[in-house]
Structure formats: C-alpha cells, structure tokens
C-alpha cells in the first residue's frame, strides 16, 4: 500500500502482523481515524460502515461521523426503491 493511503485489513484467522501504522478499535484514536477516512475517502467510509454493520460490529459504527450513517441510509433507500437487496 503506498505511503499515506488508508487501507483496512480484516484477518479471518488468527494472524500476527508487524506494522508501524496500526489503528486499533481499542485505542484512543479510532474516532479520529473515522473522521479522517470520512473526509479523505468518503466512498470507502460508506463501504466500511456497511461492512461493519453487516458483520455485526455496530459498536464500531457508532463512533463514525453522522454524515456516514446518513449516506448509508440514503444508499439503502435507493437500493430498496429499486427492489434490489
């Protein structure tokens, strides 16, 4: 991943990683990270929010900026209006 580019890794099995720019849900910077992603990569932020909701991690979406949940709701409304799911 190029320097300065946000990205997300979801480990599906027990994994060990060595990294210098780790963002944890348990750290004090998770809310700030959400705001930066929402500002810099709004499409990714909406997709990330949706993915977290789908996998049952609503606890992590609650700290997302309100505009992200608003965009997800608008997207869901458009999909429902088209009869897709």
N, C-alpha and C. Protein backbone atom coordinates (compact mmCIF):
# COMPACT_ATOMS: atom_id res chain seq x y z
N UNK A 1 0.86 -1.17 0.00
CA UNK A 1 0.00 0.00 0.00
C UNK A 1 0.91 1.24 0.00
N UNK A 2 0.68 2.15 -0.91
CA UNK A 2 1.51 3.36 -0.94
C UNK A 2 1.43 4.16 0.36
N UNK A 3 2.51 4.81 0.71
CA UNK A 3 2.55 5.61 1.93
C UNK A 3 1.45 6.67 1.90
N UNK A 4 0.80 6.84 3.03
CA UNK A 4 -0.24 7.85 3.16
C UNK A 4 -1.61 7.42 2.69
N UNK A 5 -1.73 6.23 2.12
CA UNK A 5 -3.03 5.75 1.64
C UNK A 5 -3.72 4.94 2.73
N UNK A 6 -4.96 5.29 3.08
CA UNK A 6 -5.68 4.48 4.07
C UNK A 6 -6.03 3.12 3.49
N UNK A 7 -6.01 2.14 4.34
CA UNK A 7 -6.43 0.80 3.93
C UNK A 7 -6.89 0.05 5.16
N UNK A 8 -7.54 -1.06 4.94
CA UNK A 8 -8.09 -1.86 6.02
C UNK A 8 -7.73 -3.30 5.77
N UNK A 9 -7.35 -4.00 6.83
CA UNK A 9 -7.07 -5.43 6.75
C UNK A 9 -8.00 -6.11 7.74
N UNK A 10 -8.73 -7.10 7.27
CA UNK A 10 -9.60 -7.89 8.14
C UNK A 10 -9.05 -9.30 8.14
N UNK A 11 -8.49 -9.71 9.26
CA UNK A 11 -7.93 -11.05 9.38
C UNK A 11 -9.05 -12.03 9.71
N UNK A 12 -9.19 -13.05 8.91
CA UNK A 12 -10.25 -14.04 9.11
C UNK A 12 -9.80 -15.19 10.01
N UNK A 13 -8.51 -15.28 10.22
CA UNK A 13 -7.95 -16.30 11.11
C UNK A 13 -6.94 -15.63 12.03
N UNK A 14 -6.51 -16.34 13.06
CA UNK A 14 -5.50 -15.81 13.96
C UNK A 14 -4.26 -15.45 13.16
N UNK A 15 -3.83 -14.20 13.30
CA UNK A 15 -2.76 -13.67 12.47
C UNK A 15 -1.83 -12.80 13.30
N UNK A 16 -0.56 -12.79 12.91
CA UNK A 16 0.41 -11.90 13.51
C UNK A 16 0.86 -10.93 12.42
N UNK A 17 0.88 -9.65 12.75
CA UNK A 17 1.30 -8.64 11.79
C UNK A 17 2.31 -7.71 12.44
N UNK A 18 3.23 -7.25 11.64
CA UNK A 18 4.19 -6.24 12.09
C UNK A 18 3.95 -5.01 11.23
N UNK A 19 3.58 -3.92 11.87
CA UNK A 19 3.26 -2.71 11.13
C UNK A 19 3.66 -1.49 11.94
N UNK A 20 3.82 -0.39 11.30
CA UNK A 20 4.18 0.83 12.01
C UNK A 20 3.04 1.83 12.09
N UNK A 21 1.92 1.53 11.46
CA UNK A 21 0.80 2.49 11.45
C UNK A 21 -0.52 1.79 11.74
N UNK A 22 -0.57 1.10 12.83
CA UNK A 22 -1.73 0.30 13.22
C UNK A 22 -2.79 1.17 13.89
N UNK A 23 -4.02 1.00 13.51
CA UNK A 23 -5.14 1.70 14.14
C UNK A 23 -6.05 0.66 14.78
N UNK A 24 -6.21 0.74 16.07
CA UNK A 24 -6.98 -0.26 16.80
C UNK A 24 -8.31 0.31 17.27
N UNK A 25 -9.31 -0.54 17.32
CA UNK A 25 -10.60 -0.14 17.87
C UNK A 25 -10.49 0.15 19.36
N UNK A 26 -9.44 -0.33 20.00
CA UNK A 26 -9.27 -0.17 21.44
C UNK A 26 -8.46 1.06 21.80
N UNK A 27 -7.87 1.69 20.85
CA UNK A 27 -7.04 2.84 21.13
C UNK A 27 -7.83 4.13 21.16
N UNK A 28 -7.19 5.20 21.59
CA UNK A 28 -7.89 6.48 21.70
C UNK A 28 -8.08 7.20 20.36
N UNK A 29 -7.54 6.65 19.29
CA UNK A 29 -7.54 7.36 18.01
C UNK A 29 -8.57 6.82 17.02
N UNK A 30 -9.38 5.85 17.43
CA UNK A 30 -10.31 5.24 16.48
C UNK A 30 -11.32 6.26 15.94
N UNK A 31 -11.85 7.09 16.81
CA UNK A 31 -12.83 8.09 16.37
C UNK A 31 -12.17 9.09 15.41
N UNK A 32 -10.95 9.50 15.71
CA UNK A 32 -10.23 10.42 14.82
C UNK A 32 -9.98 9.76 13.46
N UNK A 33 -9.66 8.46 13.48
CA UNK A 33 -9.43 7.75 12.23
C UNK A 33 -10.70 7.74 11.38
N UNK A 34 -11.85 7.51 12.01
CA UNK A 34 -13.13 7.53 11.29
C UNK A 34 -13.32 8.87 10.60
N UNK A 35 -13.06 9.96 11.33
CA UNK A 35 -13.25 11.30 10.76
C UNK A 35 -12.32 11.53 9.57
N UNK A 36 -11.07 11.08 9.69
CA UNK A 36 -10.12 11.26 8.59
C UNK A 36 -10.53 10.44 7.37
N UNK A 37 -10.96 9.21 7.58
CA UNK A 37 -11.40 8.38 6.46
C UNK A 37 -12.64 8.98 5.81
N UNK A 38 -13.58 9.46 6.62
CA UNK A 38 -14.80 10.07 6.08
C UNK A 38 -14.48 11.30 5.24
N UNK A 39 -13.49 12.06 5.67
CA UNK A 39 -13.12 13.26 4.95
C UNK A 39 -12.32 12.94 3.69
N UNK A 40 -11.34 12.05 3.82
CA UNK A 40 -10.42 11.77 2.71
C UNK A 40 -10.94 10.73 1.72
N UNK A 41 -11.72 9.78 2.20
CA UNK A 41 -12.19 8.67 1.36
C UNK A 41 -13.67 8.39 1.66
N UNK A 42 -14.57 9.30 1.32
CA UNK A 42 -15.97 9.13 1.72
C UNK A 42 -16.63 7.87 1.16
N UNK A 43 -16.30 7.49 -0.06
CA UNK A 43 -16.90 6.27 -0.62
C UNK A 43 -16.44 5.04 0.16
N UNK A 44 -15.15 5.00 0.49
CA UNK A 44 -14.63 3.89 1.28
C UNK A 44 -15.27 3.88 2.66
N UNK A 45 -15.45 5.07 3.27
CA UNK A 45 -16.04 5.15 4.60
C UNK A 45 -17.45 4.56 4.61
N UNK A 46 -18.22 4.84 3.56
CA UNK A 46 -19.58 4.29 3.46
C UNK A 46 -19.53 2.77 3.32
N UNK A 47 -18.62 2.27 2.49
CA UNK A 47 -18.49 0.83 2.30
C UNK A 47 -18.01 0.15 3.59
N UNK A 48 -17.08 0.79 4.27
CA UNK A 48 -16.55 0.25 5.54
C UNK A 48 -17.66 0.19 6.58
N UNK A 49 -18.42 1.27 6.69
CA UNK A 49 -19.54 1.32 7.63
C UNK A 49 -20.53 0.18 7.34
N UNK A 50 -20.89 0.04 6.08
CA UNK A 50 -21.84 -1.02 5.70
C UNK A 50 -21.30 -2.40 6.04
N UNK A 51 -20.02 -2.61 5.76
CA UNK A 51 -19.40 -3.90 6.07
C UNK A 51 -19.38 -4.20 7.55
N UNK A 52 -19.08 -3.18 8.36
CA UNK A 52 -19.09 -3.37 9.81
C UNK A 52 -20.49 -3.69 10.31
N UNK A 53 -21.49 -3.02 9.77
CA UNK A 53 -22.88 -3.30 10.16
C UNK A 53 -23.26 -4.74 9.79
N UNK A 54 -22.89 -5.15 8.59
CA UNK A 54 -23.25 -6.50 8.12
C UNK A 54 -22.60 -7.60 8.94
N UNK A 55 -21.40 -7.34 9.45
CA UNK A 55 -20.72 -8.39 10.23
C UNK A 55 -20.97 -8.24 11.73
N UNK A 56 -21.96 -7.41 12.11
CA UNK A 56 -22.36 -7.33 13.50
C UNK A 56 -21.49 -6.44 14.37
N UNK A 57 -20.75 -5.51 13.78
CA UNK A 57 -19.89 -4.62 14.57
C UNK A 57 -20.45 -3.22 14.63
N UNK A 58 -21.74 -3.12 14.95
CA UNK A 58 -22.38 -1.82 15.11
C UNK A 58 -21.71 -0.98 16.19
N UNK A 59 -21.03 -1.65 17.11
CA UNK A 59 -20.31 -0.90 18.15
C UNK A 59 -19.24 -0.01 17.54
N UNK A 60 -18.68 -0.42 16.41
CA UNK A 60 -17.65 0.39 15.76
C UNK A 60 -18.24 1.47 14.86
N UNK A 61 -19.45 1.26 14.39
CA UNK A 61 -20.07 2.28 13.54
C UNK A 61 -20.65 3.43 14.36
N UNK A 62 -20.90 3.19 15.64
CA UNK A 62 -21.48 4.25 16.48
C UNK A 62 -20.56 5.44 16.66
N UNK A 63 -19.26 5.27 16.46
CA UNK A 63 -18.34 6.40 16.59
C UNK A 63 -18.05 7.06 15.25
N UNK A 64 -18.68 6.56 14.18
CA UNK A 64 -18.49 7.15 12.85
C UNK A 64 -19.16 8.52 12.81
N UNK A 65 -18.63 9.43 12.00
CA UNK A 65 -19.29 10.73 11.85
C UNK A 65 -20.73 10.55 11.35
N UNK A 66 -21.66 11.36 11.82
CA UNK A 66 -23.08 11.19 11.45
C UNK A 66 -23.32 11.20 9.94
N UNK A 67 -22.53 11.96 9.19
CA UNK A 67 -22.77 12.02 7.75
C UNK A 67 -22.55 10.67 7.07
N UNK A 68 -21.74 9.80 7.67
CA UNK A 68 -21.52 8.48 7.08
C UNK A 68 -22.78 7.63 7.21
N UNK A 69 -23.36 7.59 8.40
CA UNK A 69 -24.59 6.81 8.55
C UNK A 69 -25.71 7.38 7.70
N UNK A 70 -25.76 8.71 7.54
CA UNK A 70 -26.76 9.33 6.67
C UNK A 70 -26.59 8.86 5.22
N UNK A 71 -25.33 8.79 4.75
CA UNK A 71 -25.07 8.35 3.38
C UNK A 71 -25.44 6.88 3.20
N UNK A 72 -25.18 6.06 4.22
CA UNK A 72 -25.52 4.64 4.14
C UNK A 72 -27.03 4.49 4.07
N UNK A 73 -27.77 5.25 4.87
CA UNK A 73 -29.22 5.18 4.84
C UNK A 73 -29.77 5.62 3.48
N UNK A 74 -29.21 6.68 2.90
CA UNK A 74 -29.64 7.13 1.57
C UNK A 74 -29.37 6.05 0.53
N UNK A 75 -28.20 5.44 0.61
CA UNK A 75 -27.85 4.36 -0.33
C UNK A 75 -28.82 3.19 -0.18
N UNK A 76 -29.10 2.79 1.06
CA UNK A 76 -30.04 1.69 1.30
C UNK A 76 -31.44 2.03 0.79
N UNK A 77 -31.87 3.27 0.98
CA UNK A 77 -33.19 3.69 0.49
C UNK A 77 -33.26 3.59 -1.04
N UNK A 78 -32.19 3.99 -1.72
CA UNK A 78 -32.16 3.91 -3.19
C UNK A 78 -32.20 2.45 -3.64
N UNK A 79 -31.44 1.59 -2.95
CA UNK A 79 -31.44 0.18 -3.32
C UNK A 79 -32.81 -0.43 -3.10
N UNK A 80 -33.46 -0.12 -1.97
CA UNK A 80 -34.78 -0.64 -1.70
C UNK A 80 -35.81 -0.14 -2.69
N UNK A 81 -35.69 1.12 -3.12
CA UNK A 81 -36.63 1.69 -4.08
C UNK A 81 -36.53 0.97 -5.43
N UNK A 82 -35.34 0.47 -5.74
CA UNK A 82 -35.16 -0.26 -6.99
C UNK A 82 -35.56 -1.72 -6.87
N UNK A 83 -35.87 -2.15 -5.66
CA UNK A 83 -36.28 -3.53 -5.46
C UNK A 83 -35.12 -4.50 -5.39
N UNK A 84 -33.93 -4.01 -5.13
CA UNK A 84 -32.74 -4.86 -5.01
C UNK A 84 -32.35 -5.00 -3.56
N UNK A 85 -31.65 -6.05 -3.25
CA UNK A 85 -31.10 -6.23 -1.90
C UNK A 85 -29.84 -7.00 -1.98
